[in-house]
Amino acid sequence: MVGESYLGRSDAPITAETWTILDTTMVEAAKSMLTGRRLLHLEGPYGLGLKAIPLQDNAPEGKLIRSGFAPVDLIQTSFSLSKRDLAAYERDGMLPNTAAVAVAAIEAARQEDQVVFTGTDQAKGLMNADGSQSVKIAGWDKIGAAADDLIKAVTALDQAGFHGPYALALSPARYNLLFRRYPQGSTTELEHLQQMITDGIFKAPVLKDGGVLIASGQQYAAIVLGQDMTIGFTGPSQENLDFTISESLALLIREPRAICVLK
């Protein structure tokens, strides 16, 4: 594993089978939260040492050509597991309680999606990127209102020169409303919208309201990974073993006009 020497995994007094259980728990728990990775292309991982990503050159007239940089954020969460529980599994096959692993993985995933959707103090996210499109959306209490608003968003991207395909991320409350059926038939609003938004409609737990429609394509936006989400070992602590979950990433927006925010 690239960068394993920095994670201390070989120092942990647990077997390869135990590591498999921990890693599988982390991945499955993170999937329940992560939305940005389903919406955008992934680039990398390039390694823990990646701290910044060079941006497009800027060449003011008569001045030196320079490139800005997008910061790569490091996310870390932690958890502890009982030595006795781990020893019981390795001796007798009794599965350890891995709830703490899942909780830490979900928190790391939440922080990742915050970077992607709402940004940080140093970089904007999809929901507040400079130069993006936006449409004002109504309440979706009335069946069909969601389609009306998303037609406006698709039209805004069409007029900006981005003709699809599109992908959509919505806050949970907005997404859940799409399971209502039209009174004239058996079609749900979600099935209706999937005919127009063909690259996926996803629930984004990190969003409190609204959503974002994006023209699909790595050429418009991507998530750049330094280190992918990985468990590391930090050492023993009384009756426990302590671990971290860490990852590093940046949102790279190459064409903000291909993004339409639903406000």
C-alpha atoms as a PDB file:
ATOM      1  CA  MET A   1       0.000   0.000   0.000  1.00  0.00           C
ATOM      2  CA  VAL A   2       1.389   3.388  -1.031  1.00  0.00           C
ATOM      3  CA  GLY A   3       2.255   5.495   2.032  1.00  0.00           C
ATOM      4  CA  GLU A   4       1.664   2.591   4.486  1.00  0.00           C
ATOM      5  CA  SER A   5       4.809   3.509   6.391  1.00  0.00           C
ATOM      6  CA  TYR A   6       3.082   6.725   7.484  1.00  0.00           C
ATOM      7  CA  LEU A   7      -0.030   4.870   8.655  1.00  0.00           C
ATOM      8  CA  GLY A   8       1.616   2.484  11.119  1.00  0.00           C
ATOM      9  CA  ARG A   9      -0.440  -0.471   9.927  1.00  0.00           C
ATOM     10  CA  SER A  10       2.479  -2.898  10.173  1.00  0.00           C
ATOM     11  CA  ASP A  11       2.919  -1.903  13.848  1.00  0.00           C
ATOM     12  CA  ALA A  12      -0.601  -2.990  14.830  1.00  0.00           C
ATOM     13  CA  PRO A  13      -0.749  -6.326  16.730  1.00  0.00           C
ATOM     14  CA  ILE A  14      -3.681  -7.615  14.647  1.00  0.00           C
ATOM     15  CA  THR A  15      -3.942 -10.095  11.798  1.00  0.00           C
ATOM     16  CA  ALA A  16      -4.561  -9.449   8.120  1.00  0.00           C
ATOM     17  CA  GLU A  17      -8.067 -10.879   8.545  1.00  0.00           C
ATOM     18  CA  THR A  18      -8.828  -8.308  11.257  1.00  0.00           C
ATOM     19  CA  TRP A  19      -7.574  -5.509   9.029  1.00  0.00           C
ATOM     20  CA  THR A  20      -9.933  -6.759   6.315  1.00  0.00           C
ATOM     21  CA  ILE A  21     -12.910  -6.468   8.674  1.00  0.00           C
ATOM     22  CA  LEU A  22     -11.927  -2.928   9.709  1.00  0.00           C
ATOM     23  CA  ASP A  23     -11.306  -1.806   6.135  1.00  0.00           C
ATOM     24  CA  THR A  24     -14.582  -3.306   4.879  1.00  0.00           C
ATOM     25  CA  THR A  25     -16.548  -1.660   7.698  1.00  0.00           C
ATOM     26  CA  MET A  26     -14.984   1.705   6.876  1.00  0.00           C
ATOM     27  CA  VAL A  27     -15.776   1.467   3.164  1.00  0.00           C
ATOM     28  CA  GLU A  28     -19.382   0.344   3.628  1.00  0.00           C
ATOM     29  CA  ALA A  29     -20.096   3.022   6.252  1.00  0.00           C
ATOM     30  CA  ALA A  30     -18.504   5.795   4.183  1.00  0.00           C
ATOM     31  CA  LYS A  31     -20.576   4.820   1.148  1.00  0.00           C
ATOM     32  CA  SER A  32     -23.757   5.552   3.101  1.00  0.00           C
ATOM     33  CA  MET A  33     -22.720   9.211   3.388  1.00  0.00           C
ATOM     34  CA  LEU A  34     -20.538  10.021   0.380  1.00  0.00           C
ATOM     35  CA  THR A  35     -22.250  11.760  -2.533  1.00  0.00           C
ATOM     36  CA  GLY A  36     -19.535  13.864  -4.148  1.00  0.00           C
ATOM     37  CA  ARG A  37     -17.742  10.755  -5.419  1.00  0.00           C
ATOM     38  CA  ARG A  38     -20.944   9.614  -7.125  1.00  0.00           C
ATOM     39  CA  LEU A  39     -21.528  13.005  -8.697  1.00  0.00           C
ATOM     40  CA  LEU A  40     -17.990  13.783  -9.876  1.00  0.00           C
ATOM     41  CA  HIS A  41     -15.031  11.980 -11.421  1.00  0.00           C
ATOM     42  CA  LEU A  42     -12.124  10.952  -9.181  1.00  0.00           C
ATOM     43  CA  GLU A  43      -8.484  11.666 -10.037  1.00  0.00           C
ATOM     44  CA  GLY A  44      -5.680   9.934  -8.149  1.00  0.00           C
ATOM     45  CA  PRO A  45      -4.835   8.985  -5.502  1.00  0.00           C
ATOM     46  CA  TYR A  46      -1.464  10.681  -5.888  1.00  0.00           C
ATOM     47  CA  GLY A  47      -0.141  10.087  -2.385  1.00  0.00           C
ATOM     48  CA  LEU A  48      -0.146  11.659   1.051  1.00  0.00           C
ATOM     49  CA  GLY A  49       2.536  14.156   0.032  1.00  0.00           C
ATOM     50  CA  LEU A  50       0.216  16.008  -2.359  1.00  0.00           C
ATOM     51  CA  LYS A  51      -0.453  19.340  -0.649  1.00  0.00           C
ATOM     52  CA  ALA A  52      -1.599  21.548  -3.531  1.00  0.00           C
ATOM     53  CA  ILE A  53      -2.772  21.271  -7.125  1.00  0.00           C
ATOM     54  CA  PRO A  54      -1.534  23.746  -9.747  1.00  0.00           C
ATOM     55  CA  LEU A  55      -4.268  25.646 -11.548  1.00  0.00           C
ATOM     56  CA  GLN A  56      -4.355  27.133 -15.031  1.00  0.00           C
ATOM     57  CA  ASP A  57      -1.573  29.568 -15.900  1.00  0.00           C
ATOM     58  CA  ASN A  58      -2.411  33.259 -15.660  1.00  0.00           C
ATOM     59  CA  ALA A  59      -0.547  35.574 -17.987  1.00  0.00           C
ATOM     60  CA  PRO A  60      -1.324  39.273 -17.407  1.00  0.00           C
ATOM     61  CA  GLU A  61      -0.048  41.415 -20.284  1.00  0.00           C
ATOM     62  CA  GLY A  62       3.610  42.231 -19.844  1.00  0.00           C
ATOM     63  CA  LYS A  63       3.959  40.241 -16.631  1.00  0.00           C
ATOM     64  CA  LEU A  64       5.315  36.881 -15.570  1.00  0.00           C
ATOM     65  CA  ILE A  65       3.199  33.808 -16.227  1.00  0.00           C
ATOM     66  CA  ARG A  66       2.024  32.334 -12.941  1.00  0.00           C
ATOM     67  CA  SER A  67      -0.188  29.522 -11.735  1.00  0.00           C
ATOM     68  CA  GLY A  68      -2.402  29.521  -8.667  1.00  0.00           C
ATOM     69  CA  PHE A  69      -2.835  26.471  -6.461  1.00  0.00           C
ATOM     70  CA  ALA A  70      -5.808  24.664  -4.960  1.00  0.00           C
ATOM     71  CA  PRO A  71      -5.087  23.426  -1.409  1.00  0.00           C
ATOM     72  CA  VAL A  72      -5.396  19.700  -0.663  1.00  0.00           C
ATOM     73  CA  ASP A  73      -7.164  19.234   2.673  1.00  0.00           C
ATOM     74  CA  LEU A  74      -6.241  16.454   5.101  1.00  0.00           C
ATOM     75  CA  ILE A  75      -9.172  14.882   6.973  1.00  0.00           C
ATOM     76  CA  GLN A  76      -8.639  12.795  10.110  1.00  0.00           C
ATOM     77  CA  THR A  77     -11.007  11.047  12.501  1.00  0.00           C
ATOM     78  CA  SER A  78     -10.201   8.503  15.197  1.00  0.00           C
ATOM     79  CA  PHE A  79     -11.634   5.480  16.975  1.00  0.00           C
ATOM     80  CA  SER A  80     -10.628   2.890  19.562  1.00  0.00           C
ATOM     81  CA  LEU A  81     -11.311  -0.839  19.759  1.00  0.00           C
ATOM     82  CA  SER A  82     -11.092  -3.160  22.758  1.00  0.00           C
ATOM     83  CA  LYS A  83      -8.008  -5.373  22.856  1.00  0.00           C
ATOM     84  CA  ARG A  84     -10.085  -8.169  24.379  1.00  0.00           C
ATOM     85  CA  ASP A  85     -12.702  -7.973  21.595  1.00  0.00           C
ATOM     86  CA  LEU A  86      -9.998  -8.140  18.936  1.00  0.00           C
ATOM     87  CA  ALA A  87      -8.246 -11.007  20.691  1.00  0.00           C
ATOM     88  CA  ALA A  88     -11.542 -12.892  21.003  1.00  0.00           C
ATOM     89  CA  TYR A  89     -12.103 -12.594  17.270  1.00  0.00           C
ATOM     90  CA  GLU A  90      -8.608 -13.732  16.379  1.00  0.00           C
ATOM     91  CA  ARG A  91      -8.809 -16.694  18.778  1.00  0.00           C
ATOM     92  CA  ASP A  92     -12.444 -17.814  18.565  1.00  0.00           C
ATOM     93  CA  GLY A  93     -13.853 -16.044  15.497  1.00  0.00           C
ATOM     94  CA  MET A  94     -16.256 -13.887  17.542  1.00  0.00           C
ATOM     95  CA  LEU A  95     -16.768 -10.757  15.452  1.00  0.00           C
ATOM     96  CA  PRO A  96     -15.681  -7.571  17.258  1.00  0.00           C
ATOM     97  CA  ASN A  97     -17.961  -4.572  17.725  1.00  0.00           C
ATOM     98  CA  THR A  98     -16.993  -2.308  14.825  1.00  0.00           C
ATOM     99  CA  ALA A  99     -19.590   0.439  15.423  1.00  0.00           C
ATOM    100  CA  ALA A 100     -16.800   2.869  16.352  1.00  0.00           C
ATOM    101  CA  VAL A 101     -15.171   2.259  12.962  1.00  0.00           C
ATOM    102  CA  ALA A 102     -18.436   3.054  11.173  1.00  0.00           C
ATOM    103  CA  VAL A 103     -18.996   6.249  13.189  1.00  0.00           C
ATOM    104  CA  ALA A 104     -15.486   7.516  12.411  1.00  0.00           C
ATOM    105  CA  ALA A 105     -15.855   6.626   8.713  1.00  0.00           C
ATOM    106  CA  ILE A 106     -19.187   8.437   8.431  1.00  0.00           C
ATOM    107  CA  GLU A 107     -17.680  11.541  10.031  1.00  0.00           C
ATOM    108  CA  ALA A 108     -14.717  11.467   7.622  1.00  0.00           C
ATOM    109  CA  ALA A 109     -17.146  11.076   4.713  1.00  0.00           C
ATOM    110  CA  ARG A 110     -19.227  14.008   5.983  1.00  0.00           C
ATOM    111  CA  GLN A 111     -16.123  16.204   6.101  1.00  0.00           C
ATOM    112  CA  GLU A 112     -15.187  15.105   2.575  1.00  0.00           C
ATOM    113  CA  ASP A 113     -18.585  16.086   1.215  1.00  0.00           C
ATOM    114  CA  GLN A 114     -18.373  19.418   3.032  1.00  0.00           C
ATOM    115  CA  VAL A 115     -15.176  20.130   1.094  1.00  0.00           C
ATOM    116  CA  VAL A 116     -16.914  19.143  -2.156  1.00  0.00           C
ATOM    117  CA  PHE A 117     -20.261  20.870  -1.701  1.00  0.00           C
ATOM    118  CA  THR A 118     -19.793  23.829   0.654  1.00  0.00           C
ATOM    119  CA  GLY A 119     -16.028  24.356   0.502  1.00  0.00           C
ATOM    120  CA  THR A 120     -13.587  25.555   3.145  1.00  0.00           C
ATOM    121  CA  ASP A 121     -12.179  28.897   4.275  1.00  0.00           C
ATOM    122  CA  GLN A 122      -9.577  28.602   1.483  1.00  0.00           C
ATOM    123  CA  ALA A 123     -11.556  27.089  -1.405  1.00  0.00           C
ATOM    124  CA  LYS A 124     -15.134  27.227  -2.673  1.00  0.00           C
ATOM    125  CA  GLY A 125     -17.386  24.205  -3.119  1.00  0.00           C
ATOM    126  CA  LEU A 126     -19.963  23.327  -5.748  1.00  0.00           C
ATOM    127  CA  MET A 127     -22.680  25.272  -3.918  1.00  0.00           C
ATOM    128  CA  ASN A 128     -20.793  28.579  -3.820  1.00  0.00           C
ATOM    129  CA  ALA A 129     -18.320  28.465  -6.725  1.00  0.00           C
ATOM    130  CA  ASP A 130     -17.609  31.815  -8.333  1.00  0.00           C
ATOM    131  CA  GLY A 131     -19.015  32.047 -11.852  1.00  0.00           C
ATOM    132  CA  SER A 132     -21.581  29.243 -11.534  1.00  0.00           C
ATOM    133  CA  GLN A 133     -25.189  29.409 -12.700  1.00  0.00           C
ATOM    134  CA  SER A 134     -28.081  29.456 -10.221  1.00  0.00           C
ATOM    135  CA  VAL A 135     -31.868  29.205 -10.184  1.00  0.00           C
ATOM    136  CA  LYS A 136     -34.321  30.052  -7.428  1.00  0.00           C
ATOM    137  CA  ILE A 137     -36.437  27.034  -6.531  1.00  0.00           C
ATOM    138  CA  ALA A 138     -39.858  26.958  -4.912  1.00  0.00           C
ATOM    139  CA  GLY A 139     -41.206  24.612  -2.297  1.00  0.00           C
ATOM    140  CA  TRP A 140     -41.893  21.179  -3.756  1.00  0.00           C
ATOM    141  CA  ASP A 141     -45.104  20.525  -1.869  1.00  0.00           C
ATOM    142  CA  LYS A 142     -47.003  20.380  -5.152  1.00  0.00           C
ATOM    143  CA  ILE A 143     -46.294  17.350  -7.330  1.00  0.00           C
ATOM    144  CA  GLY A 144     -44.564  18.507 -10.512  1.00  0.00           C
ATOM    145  CA  ALA A 145     -42.896  21.557  -8.948  1.00  0.00           C
ATOM    146  CA  ALA A 146     -39.538  19.762  -8.815  1.00  0.00           C
ATOM    147  CA  ALA A 147     -39.650  19.060 -12.554  1.00  0.00           C
ATOM    148  CA  ASP A 148     -40.530  22.691 -13.280  1.00  0.00           C
ATOM    149  CA  ASP A 149     -37.527  23.933 -11.270  1.00  0.00           C
ATOM    150  CA  LEU A 150     -35.121  21.420 -12.791  1.00  0.00           C
ATOM    151  CA  ILE A 151     -36.234  22.300 -16.311  1.00  0.00           C
ATOM    152  CA  LYS A 152     -35.192  25.877 -15.459  1.00  0.00           C
ATOM    153  CA  ALA A 153     -31.802  24.625 -14.233  1.00  0.00           C
ATOM    154  CA  VAL A 154     -31.230  22.477 -17.340  1.00  0.00           C
ATOM    155  CA  THR A 155     -32.228  25.428 -19.520  1.00  0.00           C
ATOM    156  CA  ALA A 156     -29.726  27.672 -17.719  1.00  0.00           C
ATOM    157  CA  LEU A 157     -26.914  25.185 -18.439  1.00  0.00           C
ATOM    158  CA  ASP A 158     -28.118  24.773 -22.041  1.00  0.00           C
ATOM    159  CA  GLN A 159     -27.996  28.523 -22.554  1.00  0.00           C
ATOM    160  CA  ALA A 160     -24.454  28.587 -21.138  1.00  0.00           C
ATOM    161  CA  GLY A 161     -23.412  25.988 -23.721  1.00  0.00           C
ATOM    162  CA  PHE A 162     -23.527  22.805 -21.627  1.00  0.00           C
ATOM    163  CA  HIS A 163     -26.024  20.440 -23.193  1.00  0.00           C
ATOM    164  CA  GLY A 164     -25.631  17.401 -20.974  1.00  0.00           C
ATOM    165  CA  PRO A 165     -25.580  14.757 -19.834  1.00  0.00           C
ATOM    166  CA  TYR A 166     -26.325  16.032 -16.331  1.00  0.00           C
ATOM    167  CA  ALA A 167     -26.055  14.744 -12.761  1.00  0.00           C
ATOM    168  CA  LEU A 168     -27.941  16.087  -9.757  1.00  0.00           C
ATOM    169  CA  ALA A 169     -27.395  16.121  -5.981  1.00  0.00           C
ATOM    170  CA  LEU A 170     -30.228  17.138  -3.643  1.00  0.00           C
ATOM    171  CA  SER A 171     -30.695  17.662   0.073  1.00  0.00           C
ATOM    172  CA  PRO A 172     -32.405  14.671   1.721  1.00  0.00           C
ATOM    173  CA  ALA A 173     -35.746  16.443   2.180  1.00  0.00           C
ATOM    174  CA  ARG A 174     -35.880  17.445  -1.498  1.00  0.00           C
ATOM    175  CA  TYR A 175     -34.709  14.039  -2.706  1.00  0.00           C
ATOM    176  CA  ASN A 176     -37.253  12.108  -0.654  1.00  0.00           C
ATOM    177  CA  LEU A 177     -40.140  14.101  -2.133  1.00  0.00           C
ATOM    178  CA  LEU A 178     -39.300  12.675  -5.556  1.00  0.00           C
ATOM    179  CA  PHE A 179     -40.716   9.278  -4.575  1.00  0.00           C
ATOM    180  CA  ARG A 180     -44.278  10.629  -4.825  1.00  0.00           C
ATOM    181  CA  ARG A 181     -46.304   9.287  -7.726  1.00  0.00           C
ATOM    182  CA  TYR A 182     -48.124  11.425 -10.236  1.00  0.00           C
ATOM    183  CA  PRO A 183     -51.908  11.122  -9.745  1.00  0.00           C
ATOM    184  CA  GLN A 184     -52.413  10.388 -13.478  1.00  0.00           C
ATOM    185  CA  GLY A 185     -50.338   7.182 -13.412  1.00  0.00           C
ATOM    186  CA  SER A 186     -47.754   5.060 -11.617  1.00  0.00           C
ATOM    187  CA  THR A 187     -44.659   7.133 -12.514  1.00  0.00           C
ATOM    188  CA  THR A 188     -42.754   8.769  -9.654  1.00  0.00           C
ATOM    189  CA  GLU A 189     -41.243  12.225  -9.932  1.00  0.00           C
ATOM    190  CA  LEU A 190     -37.823  10.586  -9.639  1.00  0.00           C
ATOM    191  CA  GLU A 191     -38.487   8.347 -12.656  1.00  0.00           C
ATOM    192  CA  HIS A 192     -39.736  11.355 -14.588  1.00  0.00           C
ATOM    193  CA  LEU A 193     -36.621  13.415 -13.825  1.00  0.00           C
ATOM    194  CA  GLN A 194     -34.291  10.538 -14.683  1.00  0.00           C
ATOM    195  CA  GLN A 195     -35.376  10.914 -18.307  1.00  0.00           C
ATOM    196  CA  MET A 196     -33.869  14.412 -18.296  1.00  0.00           C
ATOM    197  CA  ILE A 197     -31.005  13.949 -15.800  1.00  0.00           C
ATOM    198  CA  THR A 198     -29.440  10.771 -17.110  1.00  0.00           C
ATOM    199  CA  ASP A 199     -26.150  10.574 -15.174  1.00  0.00           C
ATOM    200  CA  GLY A 200     -27.732  10.129 -11.781  1.00  0.00           C
ATOM    201  CA  ILE A 201     -29.838  11.820  -9.114  1.00  0.00           C
ATOM    202  CA  PHE A 202     -28.278  11.480  -5.673  1.00  0.00           C
ATOM    203  CA  LYS A 203     -29.147  12.246  -2.067  1.00  0.00           C
ATOM    204  CA  ALA A 204     -26.531  14.496  -0.422  1.00  0.00           C
ATOM    205  CA  PRO A 205     -26.855  14.290   3.396  1.00  0.00           C
ATOM    206  CA  VAL A 206     -24.409  17.176   3.838  1.00  0.00           C
ATOM    207  CA  LEU A 207     -26.875  19.622   2.216  1.00  0.00           C
ATOM    208  CA  LYS A 208     -29.547  21.213   4.403  1.00  0.00           C
ATOM    209  CA  ASP A 209     -31.673  22.346   1.450  1.00  0.00           C
ATOM    210  CA  GLY A 210     -31.531  22.828  -2.306  1.00  0.00           C
ATOM    211  CA  GLY A 211     -29.054  21.060  -4.505  1.00  0.00           C
ATOM    212  CA  VAL A 212     -26.729  21.325  -7.469  1.00  0.00           C
ATOM    213  CA  LEU A 213     -27.059  20.285 -11.116  1.00  0.00           C
ATOM    214  CA  ILE A 214     -23.824  19.763 -13.022  1.00  0.00           C
ATOM    215  CA  ALA A 215     -22.892  18.939 -16.586  1.00  0.00           C
ATOM    216  CA  SER A 216     -21.104  15.606 -16.309  1.00  0.00           C
ATOM    217  CA  GLY A 217     -17.483  15.388 -17.292  1.00  0.00           C
ATOM    218  CA  GLN A 218     -14.010  15.408 -15.796  1.00  0.00           C
ATOM    219  CA  GLN A 219     -13.299  18.446 -17.941  1.00  0.00           C
ATOM    220  CA  TYR A 220     -15.731  20.494 -15.800  1.00  0.00           C
ATOM    221  CA  ALA A 221     -15.048  19.356 -12.227  1.00  0.00           C
ATOM    222  CA  ALA A 222     -13.344  16.518 -10.366  1.00  0.00           C
ATOM    223  CA  ILE A 223     -12.305  15.348  -6.924  1.00  0.00           C
ATOM    224  CA  VAL A 224      -8.521  15.012  -6.718  1.00  0.00           C
ATOM    225  CA  LEU A 225      -7.318  12.525  -4.100  1.00  0.00           C
ATOM    226  CA  GLY A 226      -3.964  12.686  -2.402  1.00  0.00           C
ATOM    227  CA  GLN A 227      -4.455   9.752  -0.034  1.00  0.00           C
ATOM    228  CA  ASP A 228      -7.703   7.822  -0.327  1.00  0.00           C
ATOM    229  CA  MET A 229      -9.649   7.079   2.855  1.00  0.00           C
ATOM    230  CA  THR A 230      -7.486   4.669   4.876  1.00  0.00           C
ATOM    231  CA  ILE A 231      -7.238   3.339   8.423  1.00  0.00           C
ATOM    232  CA  GLY A 232      -3.982   3.836  10.288  1.00  0.00           C
ATOM    233  CA  PHE A 233      -2.761   2.526  13.653  1.00  0.00           C
ATOM    234  CA  THR A 234      -1.637   5.023  16.282  1.00  0.00           C
ATOM    235  CA  GLY A 235      -0.905   2.724  19.221  1.00  0.00           C
ATOM    236  CA  PRO A 236      -2.190   1.042  22.380  1.00  0.00           C
ATOM    237  CA  SER A 237      -4.144   3.008  24.975  1.00  0.00           C
ATOM    238  CA  GLN A 238      -4.853   1.200  28.257  1.00  0.00           C
ATOM    239  CA  GLU A 239      -7.290  -1.579  27.312  1.00  0.00           C
ATOM    240  CA  ASN A 240      -7.811  -0.362  23.743  1.00  0.00           C
ATOM    241  CA  LEU A 241      -6.015  -0.038  20.451  1.00  0.00           C
ATOM    242  CA  ASP A 242      -6.276   3.418  18.830  1.00  0.00           C
ATOM    243  CA  PHE A 243      -6.742   4.011  15.104  1.00  0.00           C
ATOM    244  CA  THR A 244      -7.251   6.901  12.709  1.00  0.00           C
ATOM    245  CA  ILE A 245      -9.130   7.260   9.447  1.00  0.00           C
ATOM    246  CA  SER A 246      -7.438   9.762   7.165  1.00  0.00           C
ATOM    247  CA  GLU A 247      -7.678  11.038   3.615  1.00  0.00           C
ATOM    248  CA  SER A 248      -6.613  14.077   1.623  1.00  0.00           C
ATOM    249  CA  LEU A 249      -8.466  15.683  -1.262  1.00  0.00           C
ATOM    250  CA  ALA A 250      -9.341  18.820  -3.163  1.00  0.00           C
ATOM    251  CA  LEU A 251     -12.278  19.864  -5.303  1.00  0.00           C
ATOM    252  CA  LEU A 252     -11.015  21.027  -8.687  1.00  0.00           C
ATOM    253  CA  ILE A 253     -13.558  23.146 -10.573  1.00  0.00           C
ATOM    254  CA  ARG A 254     -12.316  23.637 -14.115  1.00  0.00           C
ATOM    255  CA  GLU A 255     -15.461  25.234 -15.566  1.00  0.00           C
ATOM    256  CA  PRO A 256     -17.815  26.836 -13.019  1.00  0.00           C
ATOM    257  CA  ARG A 257     -20.356  27.746 -15.708  1.00  0.00           C
ATOM    258  CA  ALA A 258     -21.138  23.997 -15.998  1.00  0.00           C
ATOM    259  CA  ILE A 259     -22.603  24.115 -12.458  1.00  0.00           C
ATOM    260  CA  CYS A 260     -26.128  25.276 -11.638  1.00  0.00           C
ATOM    261  CA  VAL A 261     -26.971  25.774  -7.954  1.00  0.00           C
ATOM    262  CA  LEU A 262     -30.565  25.239  -6.827  1.00  0.00           C
ATOM    263  CA  LYS A 263     -31.187  27.876  -4.162  1.00  0.00           C
END
